């Protein structure tokens, strides 16, 4: 008779150690950007490392990589939609800043 309590899923510890090592490397690279000149390249690298670290943490340590597609979409789509809307606000922000400046000049 099969054990009724053995329904859980076990992931090998090796993957957790690999991801921990990758997070350490990404953190070190992120801190290494302090030696670069201030500019868009530096901020782009900082954001890239931040997104990579957050993605690995969510995928592996929060077990999102092993979830069903419907749950992944239910969790990931709303923040992506918010990012698109924030992008629209950034584009619109330049327009309103320019029109506000023109209104004060008159």
Protein backbone atom coordinates (compact mmCIF):
# COMPACT_ATOMS: atom_id res chain seq x y z
CA UNK A 1 0.00 0.00 0.00
CA UNK A 2 1.34 3.38 -0.98
CA UNK A 3 1.89 6.02 1.65
CA UNK A 4 -1.03 8.48 1.50
CA UNK A 5 0.99 11.21 3.21
CA UNK A 6 3.75 11.28 0.59
CA UNK A 7 2.01 13.67 -1.80
CA UNK A 8 4.48 16.55 -1.49
CA UNK A 9 7.04 17.38 -4.12
CA UNK A 10 10.74 17.41 -3.24
CA UNK A 11 13.15 19.59 -5.16
CA UNK A 12 16.86 18.80 -5.08
CA UNK A 13 18.91 21.06 -2.83
CA UNK A 14 21.45 21.50 -5.63
CA UNK A 15 19.21 23.96 -7.50
CA UNK A 16 18.80 26.11 -4.40
CA UNK A 17 22.56 26.30 -3.91
CA UNK A 18 23.08 27.21 -7.58
CA UNK A 19 20.52 30.00 -7.38
CA UNK A 20 22.02 31.22 -4.11
CA UNK A 21 25.40 31.40 -5.86
CA UNK A 22 23.88 33.27 -8.81
CA UNK A 23 22.22 35.73 -6.46
CA UNK A 24 25.58 36.30 -4.78
CA UNK A 25 27.24 36.95 -8.17
CA UNK A 26 24.45 39.32 -9.25
CA UNK A 27 24.70 41.19 -5.94
CA UNK A 28 28.47 41.51 -6.29
CA UNK A 29 28.05 42.78 -9.87
CA UNK A 30 25.40 45.22 -8.70
CA UNK A 31 27.76 46.58 -6.05
CA UNK A 32 30.48 46.67 -8.70
CA UNK A 33 28.49 49.23 -10.65
CA UNK A 34 29.44 51.76 -7.96
CA UNK A 35 32.79 52.08 -9.71
CA UNK A 36 31.20 53.03 -13.04
CA UNK A 37 30.46 56.56 -14.14
CA UNK A 38 27.03 57.86 -13.25
CA UNK A 39 24.71 57.59 -16.22
CA UNK A 40 22.09 55.57 -18.00
CA UNK A 41 24.38 52.56 -18.52
CA UNK A 42 25.02 52.27 -14.78
CA UNK A 43 21.34 52.59 -13.91
CA UNK A 44 20.44 50.10 -16.62
CA UNK A 45 22.83 47.55 -15.12
CA UNK A 46 21.50 48.16 -11.61
CA UNK A 47 17.92 47.63 -12.83
CA UNK A 48 18.92 44.55 -14.82
CA UNK A 49 20.58 42.92 -11.82
CA UNK A 50 17.63 43.87 -9.61
CA UNK A 51 15.12 42.29 -12.02
CA UNK A 52 17.24 39.15 -12.42
CA UNK A 53 17.58 38.70 -8.67
CA UNK A 54 13.86 39.24 -8.09
CA UNK A 55 13.01 36.82 -10.90
CA UNK A 56 15.21 34.06 -9.51
CA UNK A 57 13.86 34.55 -6.00
CA UNK A 58 10.26 34.37 -7.18
CA UNK A 59 10.86 31.47 -9.56
CA UNK A 60 12.90 29.19 -7.32
CA UNK A 61 12.60 30.17 -3.67
CA UNK A 62 8.89 30.98 -3.89
CA UNK A 63 8.36 27.86 -6.06
CA UNK A 64 6.76 29.78 -8.96
CA UNK A 65 8.73 27.74 -11.52
CA UNK A 66 6.76 24.64 -10.57
CA UNK A 67 3.28 26.20 -10.53
CA UNK A 68 0.59 25.93 -13.17
CA UNK A 69 0.45 28.45 -15.99
CA UNK A 70 -2.87 29.90 -14.78
CA UNK A 71 -1.41 30.73 -11.38
CA UNK A 72 1.72 32.21 -12.96
CA UNK A 73 -0.39 34.46 -15.17
CA UNK A 74 -2.68 35.44 -12.30
CA UNK A 75 0.31 36.58 -10.27
CA UNK A 76 2.54 38.06 -12.98
CA UNK A 77 0.09 39.78 -15.36
CA UNK A 78 -1.26 42.49 -13.01
CA UNK A 79 2.22 43.91 -12.22
CA UNK A 80 3.09 43.82 -15.92
CA UNK A 81 -0.08 45.74 -16.73
CA UNK A 82 0.82 48.28 -14.05
CA UNK A 83 4.27 48.68 -15.58
CA UNK A 84 2.70 49.41 -18.96
CA UNK A 85 0.44 52.02 -17.38
CA UNK A 86 3.39 53.58 -15.55
CA UNK A 87 5.20 53.74 -18.89
CA UNK A 88 2.23 55.59 -20.38
CA UNK A 89 2.32 58.03 -17.44
CA UNK A 90 6.03 58.65 -18.03
CA UNK A 91 5.37 59.43 -21.68
CA UNK A 92 2.45 61.66 -20.74
CA UNK A 93 4.49 63.32 -17.99
CA UNK A 94 6.83 64.95 -20.50
CA UNK A 95 3.87 66.34 -22.40
CA UNK A 96 2.20 67.81 -19.33
CA UNK A 97 5.51 69.24 -18.10
CA UNK A 98 5.98 71.04 -21.42
CA UNK A 99 2.42 72.37 -21.53
CA UNK A 100 2.65 73.49 -17.90
CA UNK A 101 5.86 75.35 -18.70
CA UNK A 102 4.23 77.03 -21.68
CA UNK A 103 1.23 78.06 -19.57
CA UNK A 104 3.47 79.78 -16.99
CA UNK A 105 5.42 81.66 -19.66
CA UNK A 106 2.30 83.43 -20.92
